[in-house]
Amino acid sequence: MISNQILQNTIEGLKAIARVELCVVDTEGKEVASTTNMGECTKPALEFAASPADSQEIQGYQYFKIFDEQQLEYIMIAGGTGEDVYMVGKMVAFQIQSLLVAYKERFDKDNFIKNLLLDNLLLVDIYSRAKKLHIQTDVKRVVMIVESDNGKDNNALDFVRANFGNNSKDFITAVDENNVIVVKDLSDGDGGKDIDRAARAIESLLNNEGIKDVHIAYGTIVNELKEVSRSYKEAKMALDVGKIFFDERDIIAYSELGIGRLIYQLPIPLCKMFIKEIFGGKSPDDFDEETLMTINKFFENSLNVSETSRQLFIHRNTLVYRLDKLQKSTGLDLRVFEDAITFKIALMVVKYMKYMETFEY
């Protein structure tokens, strides 16, 4: 349904061109948009609505019926008599009729995309409805999820639609009150860099509009319309996993999640069992800040003792002493690749468990 504000803007623009006063009322005779006071036209409008005529001159005004799929939706009134006023009124009625069709098609497309994302459509329905809505089924697409501060209280959806919704091939919608979803159409040569560039443009726009803490995640590129829901699920996972293991990043791709994607799907009891088996009753988080900093820097430098000691501004022997001390307390030597992998996974598992604990309370 078209909003009253859109109808008001439309008839005001047409009045400025045609210099004819216009008024739109609903089937109950209530005024929904007007360029002047036409209160005296309400009663004749109801009588006209009940008549079989599509247009009629009544008491010096031109009346026109506007239908939505053969259902009477509005009555448009043009102020003044004569052939010119009739022609203007007919054109305005046609314009509003066209708006009804366009907005209904947009609404239908929006509903279709939402149901597609949520896997609410049968395969046969996807292709039949896509054909009716003139949506191509065999083009490259990717789904991006845009999460921002204050969720439902900001206008992120409106801003993204206003600035990036001009491309009729892209779909911008929302399935909940917290996130904006962009189903982006891609050219044959487009890849990860192009998607990342589009994500940064959205982030920049929202930041400029005063919307902060923007996080954007996107799934993998799909080639068929039926696979769009998979890209959406991947984007959702990327958004969640990104908050746990890549909290310093505002934009994250599903393909960049690495082992974090696997850990995210582990049940908490299994995680607890793993930590207990590796560290006994201890947790990697129990180490002091100096030890944790040494471990993290050692991993950052790909287990390179010389480079790690240089960046920590300590002697090589000091670093070796710390690693030996860690080996005695955990049984894991971080200079050995297999032990280092085990320790790294354990750190990530603990981080995941802590994140999940915040949702239990």
Protein backbone atom coordinates (compact mmCIF):
# COMPACT_ATOMS: atom_id res chain seq x y z
CA MET A 1 0.00 0.00 0.00
CA ILE A 2 1.22 3.48 -0.86
CA SER A 3 1.70 5.76 2.13
CA ASN A 4 -0.36 8.94 2.41
CA GLN A 5 2.86 10.96 2.31
CA ILE A 6 3.81 9.55 -1.08
CA LEU A 7 0.34 10.35 -2.42
CA GLN A 8 0.61 13.88 -1.00
CA ASN A 9 4.01 14.46 -2.61
CA THR A 10 2.72 13.08 -5.91
CA ILE A 11 -0.34 15.29 -6.22
CA GLU A 12 1.55 18.38 -5.01
CA GLY A 13 4.12 17.81 -7.74
CA LEU A 14 1.41 17.32 -10.36
CA LYS A 15 -0.47 20.40 -9.17
CA ALA A 16 2.70 22.49 -9.60
CA ILE A 17 2.85 21.32 -13.23
CA ALA A 18 -0.84 21.37 -14.20
CA ARG A 19 -2.07 24.13 -11.83
CA VAL A 20 -5.16 22.12 -10.90
CA GLU A 21 -6.27 21.49 -7.32
CA LEU A 22 -6.34 17.79 -6.48
CA CYS A 23 -7.71 15.62 -3.69
CA VAL A 24 -7.59 11.87 -3.03
CA VAL A 25 -10.09 10.15 -0.72
CA ASP A 26 -10.50 6.51 0.24
CA THR A 27 -13.60 4.40 -0.29
CA GLU A 28 -15.02 5.57 3.05
CA GLY A 29 -14.78 9.22 2.00
CA LYS A 30 -11.77 10.02 4.23
CA GLU A 31 -9.25 12.43 2.77
CA VAL A 32 -5.81 10.85 2.39
CA ALA A 33 -4.06 13.60 0.38
CA SER A 34 -5.06 17.04 -0.88
CA THR A 35 -3.61 20.24 -2.30
CA THR A 36 -6.51 22.33 -0.94
CA ASN A 37 -9.58 22.02 1.26
CA MET A 38 -12.25 20.04 -0.61
CA GLY A 39 -14.34 19.01 2.38
CA GLU A 40 -17.56 19.63 0.52
CA CYS A 41 -16.63 16.92 -1.99
CA THR A 42 -16.71 13.99 0.46
CA LYS A 43 -20.40 13.20 0.23
CA PRO A 44 -20.51 13.33 -3.60
CA ALA A 45 -17.40 11.10 -3.61
CA LEU A 46 -19.26 8.35 -1.73
CA GLU A 47 -22.22 8.64 -4.10
CA PHE A 48 -19.85 8.51 -7.07
CA ALA A 49 -18.13 5.42 -5.61
CA ALA A 50 -21.46 3.60 -5.60
CA SER A 51 -22.21 4.51 -9.21
CA PRO A 52 -21.13 2.41 -12.21
CA ALA A 53 -19.22 5.32 -13.82
CA ASP A 54 -15.40 5.46 -13.84
CA SER A 55 -15.35 9.27 -14.14
CA GLN A 56 -17.97 11.97 -13.64
CA GLU A 57 -18.41 15.72 -13.25
CA ILE A 58 -20.29 16.62 -10.06
CA GLN A 59 -20.99 20.16 -8.82
CA GLY A 60 -18.10 21.69 -10.74
CA TYR A 61 -15.51 18.98 -9.87
CA GLN A 62 -14.15 16.09 -11.87
CA TYR A 63 -14.29 12.69 -10.12
CA PHE A 64 -12.21 9.64 -11.09
CA LYS A 65 -12.06 6.09 -9.74
CA ILE A 66 -8.69 4.46 -9.09
CA PHE A 67 -8.62 0.67 -8.96
CA ASP A 68 -6.18 -1.88 -7.61
CA GLU A 69 -6.74 -5.12 -9.51
CA GLN A 70 -10.40 -4.23 -10.19
CA GLN A 71 -10.92 -3.33 -6.56
CA LEU A 72 -11.83 0.33 -5.96
CA GLU A 73 -9.01 1.84 -3.90
CA TYR A 74 -9.26 5.64 -4.17
CA ILE A 75 -11.39 8.42 -5.61
CA MET A 76 -9.45 11.29 -7.14
CA ILE A 77 -11.05 14.73 -7.38
CA ALA A 78 -9.82 17.48 -9.70
CA GLY A 79 -10.95 21.04 -8.99
CA GLY A 80 -12.71 22.74 -11.90
CA THR A 81 -14.69 21.83 -14.99
CA GLY A 82 -13.79 21.75 -18.64
CA GLU A 83 -11.86 19.55 -21.03
CA ASP A 84 -8.41 20.56 -19.77
CA VAL A 85 -9.25 19.78 -16.15
CA TYR A 86 -10.76 16.45 -17.19
CA MET A 87 -7.61 15.54 -19.12
CA VAL A 88 -5.35 16.54 -16.19
CA GLY A 89 -7.52 14.58 -13.77
CA LYS A 90 -7.41 11.53 -16.00
CA MET A 91 -3.60 11.75 -16.18
CA VAL A 92 -3.28 12.11 -12.39
CA ALA A 93 -5.58 9.13 -11.82
CA PHE A 94 -3.46 7.10 -14.24
CA GLN A 95 -0.27 8.15 -12.43
CA ILE A 96 -1.66 7.05 -9.04
CA GLN A 97 -2.88 3.79 -10.59
CA SER A 98 0.65 3.17 -11.87
CA LEU A 99 2.08 3.91 -8.42
CA LEU A 100 -0.26 1.32 -6.92
CA VAL A 101 0.98 -1.31 -9.36
CA ALA A 102 4.64 -0.39 -8.82
CA TYR A 103 4.42 -0.42 -5.02
CA LYS A 104 2.46 -3.64 -4.98
CA GLU A 105 5.09 -5.28 -7.16
CA ARG A 106 7.80 -3.99 -4.84
CA PHE A 107 5.88 -5.33 -1.84
CA ASP A 108 5.43 -8.70 -3.56
CA LYS A 109 9.15 -8.84 -4.39
CA ASP A 110 10.06 -7.94 -0.81
CA ASN A 111 7.84 -10.72 0.55
CA PHE A 112 9.25 -13.17 -1.97
CA ILE A 113 12.86 -12.34 -1.02
CA LYS A 114 12.08 -12.65 2.71
CA ASN A 115 10.49 -16.07 2.23
CA LEU A 116 13.37 -17.10 -0.01
CA LEU A 117 15.93 -16.15 2.65
CA LEU A 118 14.01 -18.02 5.36
CA ASP A 119 13.57 -21.19 3.25
CA ASN A 120 9.79 -20.83 3.29
CA LEU A 121 9.34 -21.66 -0.40
CA LEU A 122 9.21 -24.91 -2.31
CA LEU A 123 11.62 -25.21 -5.22
CA VAL A 124 8.81 -25.10 -7.78
CA ASP A 125 7.38 -21.97 -6.12
CA ILE A 126 10.73 -20.19 -6.27
CA TYR A 127 10.94 -20.42 -10.04
CA SER A 128 7.26 -19.79 -10.77
CA ARG A 129 7.06 -16.71 -8.54
CA ALA A 130 10.41 -15.40 -9.74
CA LYS A 131 9.11 -15.56 -13.32
CA LYS A 132 5.95 -13.63 -12.40
CA LEU A 133 7.99 -10.99 -10.56
CA HIS A 134 10.55 -10.75 -13.41
CA ILE A 135 13.45 -11.81 -11.17
CA GLN A 136 16.34 -13.56 -12.89
CA THR A 137 17.14 -16.96 -11.46
CA ASP A 138 20.60 -17.69 -12.87
CA VAL A 139 22.76 -14.69 -11.94
CA LYS A 140 25.54 -14.39 -9.36
CA ARG A 141 24.40 -13.02 -6.01
CA VAL A 142 25.68 -12.67 -2.46
CA VAL A 143 23.85 -11.91 0.78
CA MET A 144 25.14 -9.24 3.17
CA ILE A 145 23.79 -8.66 6.69
CA VAL A 146 24.19 -5.18 8.15
CA GLU A 147 23.93 -4.90 11.94
CA SER A 148 24.12 -1.51 13.62
CA ASP A 149 23.84 0.10 17.03
CA ASN A 150 20.34 0.55 18.51
CA GLY A 151 18.84 -1.91 16.00
CA LYS A 152 15.16 -1.07 15.61
CA ASP A 153 15.61 2.50 16.87
CA ASN A 154 17.67 3.69 13.90
CA ASN A 155 16.76 4.17 10.25
CA ALA A 156 19.47 1.98 8.77
CA LEU A 157 17.03 0.19 6.43
CA ASP A 158 15.70 3.50 5.06
CA PHE A 159 19.19 4.93 4.56
CA VAL A 160 20.48 1.83 2.77
CA ARG A 161 17.39 1.64 0.57
CA ALA A 162 17.56 5.32 -0.32
CA ASN A 163 21.24 5.21 -1.30
CA PHE A 164 21.72 1.69 -2.65
CA GLY A 165 18.20 0.66 -3.70
CA ASN A 166 18.26 2.36 -7.11
CA ASN A 167 19.70 -0.77 -8.70
CA SER A 168 16.58 -2.78 -9.55
CA LYS A 169 18.62 -6.00 -9.48
CA ASP A 170 19.60 -5.65 -5.81
CA PHE A 171 17.13 -6.40 -3.01
CA ILE A 172 17.27 -4.60 0.33
CA THR A 173 15.00 -5.90 3.05
CA ALA A 174 14.83 -7.04 6.70
CA VAL A 175 13.51 -10.22 8.32
CA ASP A 176 13.79 -8.85 11.86
CA GLU A 177 14.05 -5.46 13.55
CA ASN A 178 17.81 -5.59 14.13
CA ASN A 179 19.46 -6.21 10.78
CA VAL A 180 19.34 -4.99 7.20
CA ILE A 181 19.77 -7.63 4.51
CA VAL A 182 21.19 -6.86 1.09
CA VAL A 183 20.86 -9.47 -1.66
CA LYS A 184 23.41 -8.07 -4.07
CA ASP A 185 23.51 -8.81 -7.79
CA LEU A 186 27.05 -9.38 -9.06
CA SER A 187 28.65 -9.13 -12.48
CA ASP A 188 30.61 -12.05 -13.87
CA GLY A 189 33.97 -10.52 -12.92
CA ASP A 190 32.97 -9.45 -9.40
CA GLY A 191 34.62 -11.20 -6.45
CA GLY A 192 35.50 -10.77 -2.79
CA LYS A 193 37.16 -7.37 -3.26
CA ASP A 194 34.08 -5.94 -4.98
CA ILE A 195 31.78 -7.25 -2.23
CA ASP A 196 34.09 -5.84 0.44
CA ARG A 197 34.10 -2.48 -1.35
CA ALA A 198 30.28 -2.43 -1.40
CA ALA A 199 30.18 -3.36 2.31
CA ARG A 200 32.56 -0.51 3.18
CA ALA A 201 30.40 1.93 1.20
CA ILE A 202 27.36 0.90 3.30
CA GLU A 203 29.36 1.18 6.52
CA SER A 204 30.59 4.65 5.55
CA LEU A 205 27.07 5.80 4.67
CA LEU A 206 25.62 4.70 8.02
CA ASN A 207 28.51 6.21 9.98
CA ASN A 208 27.99 9.53 8.18
CA GLU A 209 24.31 9.36 9.15
CA GLY A 210 25.29 9.02 12.81
CA ILE A 211 24.71 5.26 13.07
CA LYS A 212 27.67 3.68 14.85
CA ASP A 213 28.95 0.19 15.69
CA VAL A 214 28.13 -1.09 12.22
CA HIS A 215 29.05 -4.72 11.55
CA ILE A 216 28.65 -6.31 8.13
CA ALA A 217 28.96 -9.99 7.27
CA TYR A 218 28.48 -11.71 3.94
CA GLY A 219 28.23 -15.27 2.68
CA THR A 220 29.69 -16.94 -0.38
CA ILE A 221 28.70 -16.10 -3.95
CA VAL A 222 25.85 -18.25 -5.32
CA ASN A 223 24.88 -18.73 -8.96
CA GLU A 224 21.23 -19.75 -8.58
CA LEU A 225 18.30 -17.99 -6.93
CA LYS A 226 17.46 -21.13 -4.96
CA GLU A 227 20.90 -20.93 -3.26
CA VAL A 228 20.40 -17.40 -1.89
CA SER A 229 19.16 -18.81 1.44
CA ARG A 230 22.50 -20.64 1.83
CA SER A 231 24.44 -17.40 1.38
CA TYR A 232 22.11 -15.80 3.98
CA LYS A 233 22.78 -18.58 6.52
CA GLU A 234 26.50 -18.22 5.91
CA ALA A 235 26.28 -14.45 6.46
CA LYS A 236 24.42 -15.03 9.74
CA MET A 237 27.10 -17.42 10.93
CA ALA A 238 29.84 -15.00 9.85
CA LEU A 239 28.18 -12.23 11.87
CA ASP A 240 28.09 -14.39 15.03
CA VAL A 241 31.51 -15.98 14.63
CA GLY A 242 33.00 -12.59 13.77
CA LYS A 243 31.87 -11.22 17.14
CA ILE A 244 33.68 -14.05 18.94
CA PHE A 245 36.95 -14.48 17.10
CA PHE A 246 37.27 -11.33 14.96
CA ASP A 247 35.82 -8.69 17.29
CA GLU A 248 38.30 -6.08 16.03
CA ARG A 249 36.85 -6.27 12.49
CA ASP A 250 33.74 -4.44 11.23
CA ILE A 251 33.42 -6.45 8.02
CA ILE A 252 33.83 -10.22 7.83
CA ALA A 253 33.27 -12.82 5.12
CA TYR A 254 32.14 -16.38 5.72
CA SER A 255 35.17 -17.61 3.76
CA GLU A 256 37.49 -15.94 6.31
CA LEU A 257 36.15 -17.69 9.41
CA GLY A 258 38.58 -20.60 9.27
CA ILE A 259 38.57 -22.93 12.25
CA GLY A 260 36.32 -20.55 14.16
CA ARG A 261 33.44 -21.76 11.98
CA LEU A 262 33.96 -25.33 13.22
CA ILE A 263 34.33 -24.37 16.89
CA TYR A 264 31.11 -22.32 16.71
CA GLN A 265 29.16 -25.47 15.85
CA LEU A 266 30.51 -27.51 18.77
CA PRO A 267 28.17 -28.24 21.72
CA ILE A 268 29.27 -26.62 24.99
CA PRO A 269 29.57 -29.96 26.91
CA LEU A 270 32.02 -31.21 24.28
CA CYS A 271 34.04 -28.00 24.61
CA LYS A 272 34.24 -28.38 28.38
CA MET A 273 35.36 -31.98 28.00
CA PHE A 274 38.09 -30.93 25.55
CA ILE A 275 39.46 -28.23 27.87
CA LYS A 276 39.45 -30.63 30.82
CA GLU A 277 41.30 -33.30 28.85
CA ILE A 278 43.96 -30.89 27.65
CA PHE A 279 44.53 -28.78 30.76
CA GLY A 280 43.13 -30.89 33.57
CA GLY A 281 41.29 -28.61 35.93
CA LYS A 282 42.91 -25.46 34.54
CA SER A 283 41.91 -23.11 31.77
CA PRO A 284 44.18 -21.19 29.36
CA ASP A 285 42.54 -18.05 30.72
CA ASP A 286 44.03 -18.73 34.16
CA PHE A 287 47.50 -17.70 32.99
CA ASP A 288 48.86 -14.33 34.03
CA GLU A 289 48.83 -11.39 31.60
CA GLU A 290 52.54 -11.69 30.80
CA THR A 291 52.19 -15.36 29.81
CA LEU A 292 49.11 -14.71 27.69
CA MET A 293 50.83 -11.81 25.91
CA THR A 294 53.85 -14.03 25.22
CA ILE A 295 51.61 -16.81 23.83
CA ASN A 296 49.64 -14.47 21.58
CA LYS A 297 52.74 -12.76 20.23
CA PHE A 298 54.37 -16.15 19.60
CA PHE A 299 51.36 -17.20 17.51
CA GLU A 300 51.30 -13.86 15.68
CA ASN A 301 54.88 -14.48 14.57
CA SER A 302 54.22 -18.04 13.37
CA LEU A 303 56.17 -19.66 16.27
CA ASN A 304 59.33 -17.70 15.43
CA VAL A 305 61.35 -17.38 18.65
CA SER A 306 63.74 -14.67 17.42
CA GLU A 307 61.05 -12.37 16.00
CA THR A 308 58.80 -12.84 19.04
CA SER A 309 61.57 -11.95 21.51
CA ARG A 310 62.47 -8.90 19.40
CA GLN A 311 58.89 -7.62 19.39
CA LEU A 312 58.49 -8.28 23.13
CA PHE A 313 61.80 -6.46 23.80
CA ILE A 314 63.14 -9.43 25.77
CA HIS A 315 66.20 -11.65 25.40
CA ARG A 316 65.76 -14.84 23.42
CA ASN A 317 66.69 -16.89 26.50
CA THR A 318 63.94 -15.14 28.49
CA LEU A 319 61.36 -16.19 25.91
CA VAL A 320 62.70 -19.75 25.92
CA TYR A 321 62.44 -19.77 29.73
CA ARG A 322 58.79 -18.66 29.55
CA LEU A 323 57.98 -21.35 26.96
CA ASP A 324 59.69 -24.01 29.09
CA LYS A 325 57.73 -22.88 32.13
CA LEU A 326 54.48 -23.09 30.12
CA GLN A 327 55.41 -26.59 28.95
CA LYS A 328 55.90 -27.77 32.52
CA SER A 329 52.48 -26.48 33.63
CA THR A 330 50.48 -27.67 30.61
CA GLY A 331 52.51 -30.43 29.01
CA LEU A 332 52.39 -28.53 25.70
CA ASP A 333 55.51 -27.19 23.98
CA LEU A 334 54.45 -24.29 21.76
CA ARG A 335 57.62 -24.71 19.69
CA VAL A 336 56.19 -28.02 18.46
CA PHE A 337 53.60 -27.46 15.75
CA GLU A 338 51.06 -30.05 16.97
CA ASP A 339 51.18 -28.72 20.54
CA ALA A 340 50.87 -25.15 19.27
CA ILE A 341 47.77 -26.08 17.24
CA THR A 342 46.21 -27.77 20.27
CA PHE A 343 46.88 -24.73 22.45
CA LYS A 344 45.55 -22.31 19.83
CA ILE A 345 42.33 -24.28 19.45
CA ALA A 346 41.96 -24.43 23.23
CA LEU A 347 42.24 -20.63 23.46
CA MET A 348 39.54 -20.26 20.80
CA VAL A 349 37.27 -22.81 22.49
CA VAL A 350 37.53 -20.93 25.79
CA LYS A 351 36.69 -17.67 24.02
CA TYR A 352 33.67 -19.33 22.39
CA MET A 353 32.47 -20.76 25.73
CA LYS A 354 32.75 -17.37 27.41
CA TYR A 355 30.76 -15.74 24.60
CA MET A 356 28.00 -18.36 24.85
CA GLU A 357 27.82 -17.98 28.62
CA THR A 358 26.67 -14.37 28.17
CA PHE A 359 23.44 -15.67 26.57
CA GLU A 360 22.66 -18.00 29.43
CA TYR A 361 21.96 -15.20 31.88
